[in-house]
Protein backbone atom coordinates (compact mmCIF):
# COMPACT_ATOMS: atom_id res chain seq x y z
CA UNK A 1 23.99 -86.45 -46.57
CA UNK A 2 21.73 -84.77 -44.01
CA UNK A 3 22.54 -81.17 -43.17
CA UNK A 4 23.12 -81.97 -39.50
CA UNK A 5 25.90 -84.47 -40.28
CA UNK A 6 28.16 -81.77 -41.70
CA UNK A 7 28.03 -79.64 -38.53
CA UNK A 8 30.40 -80.58 -35.71
CA UNK A 9 29.43 -77.63 -33.48
CA UNK A 10 26.38 -75.53 -32.67
CA UNK A 11 27.11 -71.91 -33.57
CA UNK A 12 25.61 -68.58 -32.52
CA UNK A 13 24.03 -68.43 -35.97
CA UNK A 14 22.34 -71.79 -35.32
CA UNK A 15 20.88 -70.60 -32.03
CA UNK A 16 19.78 -67.27 -33.48
CA UNK A 17 17.98 -69.17 -36.22
CA UNK A 18 16.44 -71.48 -33.59
CA UNK A 19 14.98 -68.43 -31.83
CA UNK A 20 13.43 -67.29 -35.11
CA UNK A 21 12.03 -70.78 -35.67
CA UNK A 22 10.59 -70.86 -32.15
CA UNK A 23 8.83 -67.50 -32.41
CA UNK A 24 7.62 -68.07 -35.98
CA UNK A 25 6.11 -71.50 -35.31
CA UNK A 26 5.07 -71.44 -31.67
CA UNK A 27 3.90 -67.92 -30.88
CA UNK A 28 0.56 -69.28 -29.62
CA UNK A 29 2.29 -71.74 -27.28
CA UNK A 30 4.67 -69.06 -26.03
CA UNK A 31 1.75 -66.76 -25.24
CA UNK A 32 -0.02 -69.59 -23.42
CA UNK A 33 2.84 -71.21 -21.49
CA UNK A 34 5.85 -68.86 -21.52
CA UNK A 35 4.46 -65.33 -22.18
CA UNK A 36 7.42 -63.62 -20.49
CA UNK A 37 9.83 -65.01 -23.08
CA UNK A 38 8.41 -62.85 -25.86
CA UNK A 39 9.47 -59.74 -23.92
CA UNK A 40 12.96 -60.99 -23.01
CA UNK A 41 15.12 -59.23 -25.56
CA UNK A 42 18.20 -60.44 -23.69
CA UNK A 43 17.64 -63.87 -25.26
CA UNK A 44 18.93 -62.45 -28.53
CA UNK A 45 22.09 -61.03 -26.97
CA UNK A 46 25.28 -62.67 -28.32
CA UNK A 47 26.65 -63.22 -24.80
CA UNK A 48 23.66 -65.39 -23.82
CA UNK A 49 23.78 -67.36 -27.06
CA UNK A 50 27.57 -67.77 -26.84
CA UNK A 51 27.31 -69.24 -23.32
CA UNK A 52 24.65 -71.75 -24.38
CA UNK A 53 26.54 -72.71 -27.54
CA UNK A 54 29.70 -73.28 -25.49
CA UNK A 55 27.92 -75.57 -23.04
CA UNK A 56 26.35 -77.56 -25.89
CA UNK A 57 29.63 -77.97 -27.77
CA UNK A 58 31.36 -79.10 -24.58
CA UNK A 59 28.45 -81.49 -23.93
CA UNK A 60 28.04 -80.02 -20.47
CA UNK A 61 24.54 -78.56 -21.02
CA UNK A 62 21.78 -80.22 -19.02
CA UNK A 63 18.10 -79.38 -19.63
CA UNK A 64 15.81 -78.90 -16.68
CA UNK A 65 12.96 -81.44 -16.44
CA UNK A 66 9.82 -80.48 -18.30
CA UNK A 67 6.75 -79.67 -16.25
CA UNK A 68 3.50 -81.59 -16.49
CA UNK A 69 -0.20 -80.81 -16.32
CA UNK A 70 -3.48 -81.69 -17.99
CA UNK A 71 -5.69 -79.90 -20.50
CA UNK A 72 -9.16 -80.54 -21.87
CA UNK A 73 -9.61 -82.56 -25.05
CA UNK A 74 -13.15 -81.95 -26.19
CA UNK A 75 -15.84 -81.53 -23.57
CA UNK A 76 -15.04 -84.39 -21.22
CA UNK A 77 -11.65 -85.95 -22.00
CA UNK A 78 -8.21 -84.71 -20.97
CA UNK A 79 -4.72 -85.12 -22.37
CA UNK A 80 -1.33 -84.69 -20.72
CA UNK A 81 0.22 -81.26 -21.11
CA UNK A 82 4.01 -81.39 -21.13
CA UNK A 83 5.85 -78.09 -21.48
CA UNK A 84 9.55 -77.36 -21.68
CA UNK A 85 11.13 -75.72 -18.66
CA UNK A 86 12.43 -72.43 -20.03
CA UNK A 87 14.10 -70.47 -22.83
CA UNK A 88 17.20 -72.63 -23.23
CA UNK A 89 15.19 -75.84 -23.48
CA UNK A 90 12.80 -74.24 -25.98
CA UNK A 91 15.66 -72.88 -28.08
CA UNK A 92 17.41 -76.26 -28.17
CA UNK A 93 14.17 -78.06 -29.11
CA UNK A 94 13.61 -75.56 -31.93
CA UNK A 95 17.20 -76.08 -33.10
CA UNK A 96 16.71 -79.85 -33.19
CA UNK A 97 13.35 -79.53 -34.97
CA UNK A 98 14.95 -77.39 -37.68
CA UNK A 99 17.86 -79.81 -38.12
CA UNK A 100 15.53 -82.83 -38.31
CA UNK A 101 13.20 -81.01 -40.71
CA UNK A 102 16.12 -80.38 -43.08
CA UNK A 103 16.92 -84.10 -43.07
CA UNK A 104 13.39 -85.55 -43.03
CA UNK A 105 11.52 -83.38 -45.52
CA UNK A 106 12.90 -84.94 -48.75
CA UNK A 107 11.83 -88.37 -47.51
CA UNK A 108 8.41 -87.11 -46.37
CA UNK A 109 7.70 -85.40 -49.67
CA UNK A 110 8.76 -88.48 -51.61
CA UNK A 111 6.39 -90.72 -49.62
CA UNK A 112 3.21 -88.69 -49.53
CA UNK A 113 3.39 -85.88 -52.07
CA UNK A 114 3.15 -82.18 -51.35
CA UNK A 115 -0.49 -81.39 -52.16
CA UNK A 116 -2.50 -84.26 -50.73
CA UNK A 117 -1.55 -84.26 -47.06
CA UNK A 118 -1.18 -81.56 -44.45
CA UNK A 119 1.60 -80.74 -42.03
CA UNK A 120 4.28 -81.50 -44.61
CA UNK A 121 7.71 -80.27 -43.48
CA UNK A 122 8.86 -77.22 -45.42
CA UNK A 123 12.05 -77.04 -47.43
CA UNK A 124 15.44 -76.94 -45.75
CA UNK A 125 16.48 -73.61 -44.28
CA UNK A 126 13.01 -72.04 -44.03
CA UNK A 127 11.93 -70.45 -40.75
CA UNK A 128 8.45 -72.04 -40.92
CA UNK A 129 8.75 -75.74 -40.07
CA UNK A 130 5.56 -77.14 -41.61
CA UNK A 131 3.04 -76.23 -44.26
CA UNK A 132 -0.36 -75.67 -42.63
CA UNK A 133 -2.85 -78.51 -42.59
CA UNK A 134 -5.99 -76.67 -43.72
CA UNK A 135 -4.79 -75.26 -47.08
CA UNK A 136 -3.75 -78.76 -48.19
CA UNK A 137 -7.16 -80.18 -47.32
CA UNK A 138 -8.92 -77.31 -49.11
CA UNK A 139 -6.74 -77.85 -52.16
CA UNK A 140 -7.56 -81.55 -52.15
CA UNK A 141 -11.26 -80.83 -51.78
CA UNK A 142 -11.15 -78.38 -54.69
CA UNK A 143 -9.24 -80.91 -56.79
CA UNK A 144 -11.81 -83.64 -56.13
CA UNK A 145 -14.84 -81.40 -56.60
CA UNK A 146 -13.63 -80.51 -60.11
CA UNK A 147 -12.82 -84.10 -61.12
CA UNK A 148 -15.29 -86.33 -59.26
CA UNK A 149 -18.95 -86.32 -60.27
CA UNK A 150 -20.26 -87.37 -56.90
CA UNK A 151 -19.73 -85.28 -53.79
CA UNK A 152 -16.26 -86.29 -52.47
CA UNK A 153 -15.76 -87.65 -48.99
CA UNK A 154 -12.56 -86.80 -47.12
CA UNK A 155 -11.52 -88.82 -44.10
CA UNK A 156 -9.30 -87.10 -41.55
CA UNK A 157 -7.31 -89.79 -39.77
CA UNK A 158 -5.62 -89.57 -36.40
CA UNK A 159 -3.41 -91.89 -34.38
CA UNK A 160 -4.90 -91.85 -30.90
CA UNK A 161 -2.41 -90.88 -28.21
CA UNK A 162 0.44 -90.81 -30.72
CA UNK A 163 2.58 -88.04 -29.24
CA UNK A 164 2.28 -89.43 -25.73
CA UNK A 165 3.55 -92.85 -26.85
CA UNK A 166 6.53 -92.00 -29.05
CA UNK A 167 9.21 -94.27 -27.60
CA UNK A 168 12.46 -92.38 -27.14
CA UNK A 169 14.71 -95.38 -27.76
CA UNK A 170 12.98 -96.10 -31.07
CA UNK A 171 13.17 -92.46 -32.15
CA UNK A 172 16.88 -92.29 -31.36
CA UNK A 173 17.48 -95.58 -33.17
CA UNK A 174 15.76 -94.15 -36.28
CA UNK A 175 17.78 -90.92 -36.10
CA UNK A 176 21.02 -92.92 -35.93
CA UNK A 177 19.98 -95.47 -38.55
CA UNK A 178 18.90 -92.83 -41.06
CA UNK A 179 21.81 -90.55 -40.12
CA UNK A 180 19.42 -87.63 -39.67
CA UNK A 181 21.64 -85.80 -37.17
CA UNK A 182 25.33 -85.58 -36.46
CA UNK A 183 26.82 -86.93 -33.21
CA UNK A 184 26.50 -83.66 -31.27
CA UNK A 185 22.88 -83.05 -32.25
CA UNK A 186 22.03 -86.71 -31.56
CA UNK A 187 23.45 -86.30 -28.05
CA UNK A 188 21.45 -83.08 -27.69
CA UNK A 189 18.26 -84.86 -28.75
CA UNK A 190 18.93 -87.64 -26.25
CA UNK A 191 19.34 -85.11 -23.43
CA UNK A 192 16.20 -83.25 -24.47
CA UNK A 193 14.10 -86.42 -24.66
CA UNK A 194 15.36 -87.40 -21.21
CA UNK A 195 13.90 -84.15 -19.84
CA UNK A 196 10.45 -85.31 -21.04
CA UNK A 197 10.71 -88.92 -19.91
CA UNK A 198 9.74 -88.61 -16.26
CA UNK A 199 6.57 -86.71 -17.18
CA UNK A 200 5.01 -89.42 -19.35
CA UNK A 201 3.99 -92.61 -17.53
CA UNK A 202 6.11 -91.79 -14.44
CA UNK A 203 7.45 -94.82 -12.67
CA UNK A 204 7.73 -96.96 -15.80
CA UNK A 205 10.91 -98.12 -17.53
CA UNK A 206 9.73 -97.02 -20.99
CA UNK A 207 10.86 -93.42 -21.67
CA UNK A 208 8.37 -91.98 -24.12
CA UNK A 209 6.38 -88.93 -25.19
CA UNK A 210 6.70 -85.66 -27.11
CA UNK A 211 5.15 -82.43 -25.77
CA UNK A 212 1.92 -81.40 -27.49
CA UNK A 213 2.14 -77.92 -26.00
CA UNK A 214 4.48 -77.03 -28.89
CA UNK A 215 2.90 -78.94 -31.79
CA UNK A 216 4.94 -77.53 -34.69
CA UNK A 217 8.23 -78.42 -32.98
CA UNK A 218 7.05 -81.88 -31.92
CA UNK A 219 5.62 -82.59 -35.39
CA UNK A 220 9.14 -82.91 -36.80
CA UNK A 221 10.54 -85.64 -34.50
CA UNK A 222 7.11 -87.28 -34.85
CA UNK A 223 7.67 -87.38 -38.63
CA UNK A 224 11.07 -88.97 -38.09
CA UNK A 225 9.45 -91.57 -35.82
CA UNK A 226 7.20 -92.65 -38.72
CA UNK A 227 10.06 -93.36 -41.12
CA UNK A 228 9.46 -96.98 -42.16
CA UNK A 229 12.12 -99.61 -41.45
CA UNK A 230 14.35 -100.75 -44.27
CA UNK A 231 14.62 -104.35 -45.39
CA UNK A 232 17.79 -104.72 -43.34
CA UNK A 233 16.42 -103.15 -40.15
CA UNK A 234 16.11 -105.61 -37.23
CA UNK A 235 12.45 -106.10 -36.29
């Protein structure tokens, strides 16, 4: 059973851990988009965490809408820049990423193996969410260079526009189908995704998109989105 399914409430310990996850994995993003948060020691105060935990457990917490912009992709192209509103939204997103990582990582490791692909979710309970991409590629290159007579060729593949087109309904269906999160965390994910929805393809009826401004956090729900359907899943 996934770790999230055994937890009926979000505790102060959960939120304290989420802060550690946020700072450990997204220090670059915090410096770029929310630099003031790194100096706000009040975020760690039990009173602030207790208030947020209470609102979440009562299902009265409402995230503010994310803000939108654009950033360069290469020399000429641009990509949408979606960033979470503030510290509470960031903390909740980090909490959800950690809970999903704990549930997804055994499946991910079983599908692809630990040493051949990058950005593999770490083991449950670790502060770092993903293993870095580059060391895995270097390890693969070293492995091939010692065992293949010809010079090896490594293809780095990418799904164009993937994060911008993650459909929220499909992601939530996968989370429920695979029982990756408990009811409270599933509700929390739904509220968080709703805060992104108006910033991707505004005016459409297809809520979609994960923020690339915090890539380590978004990598985890993106992994969940790629879980293949079972033989009994409706197409």
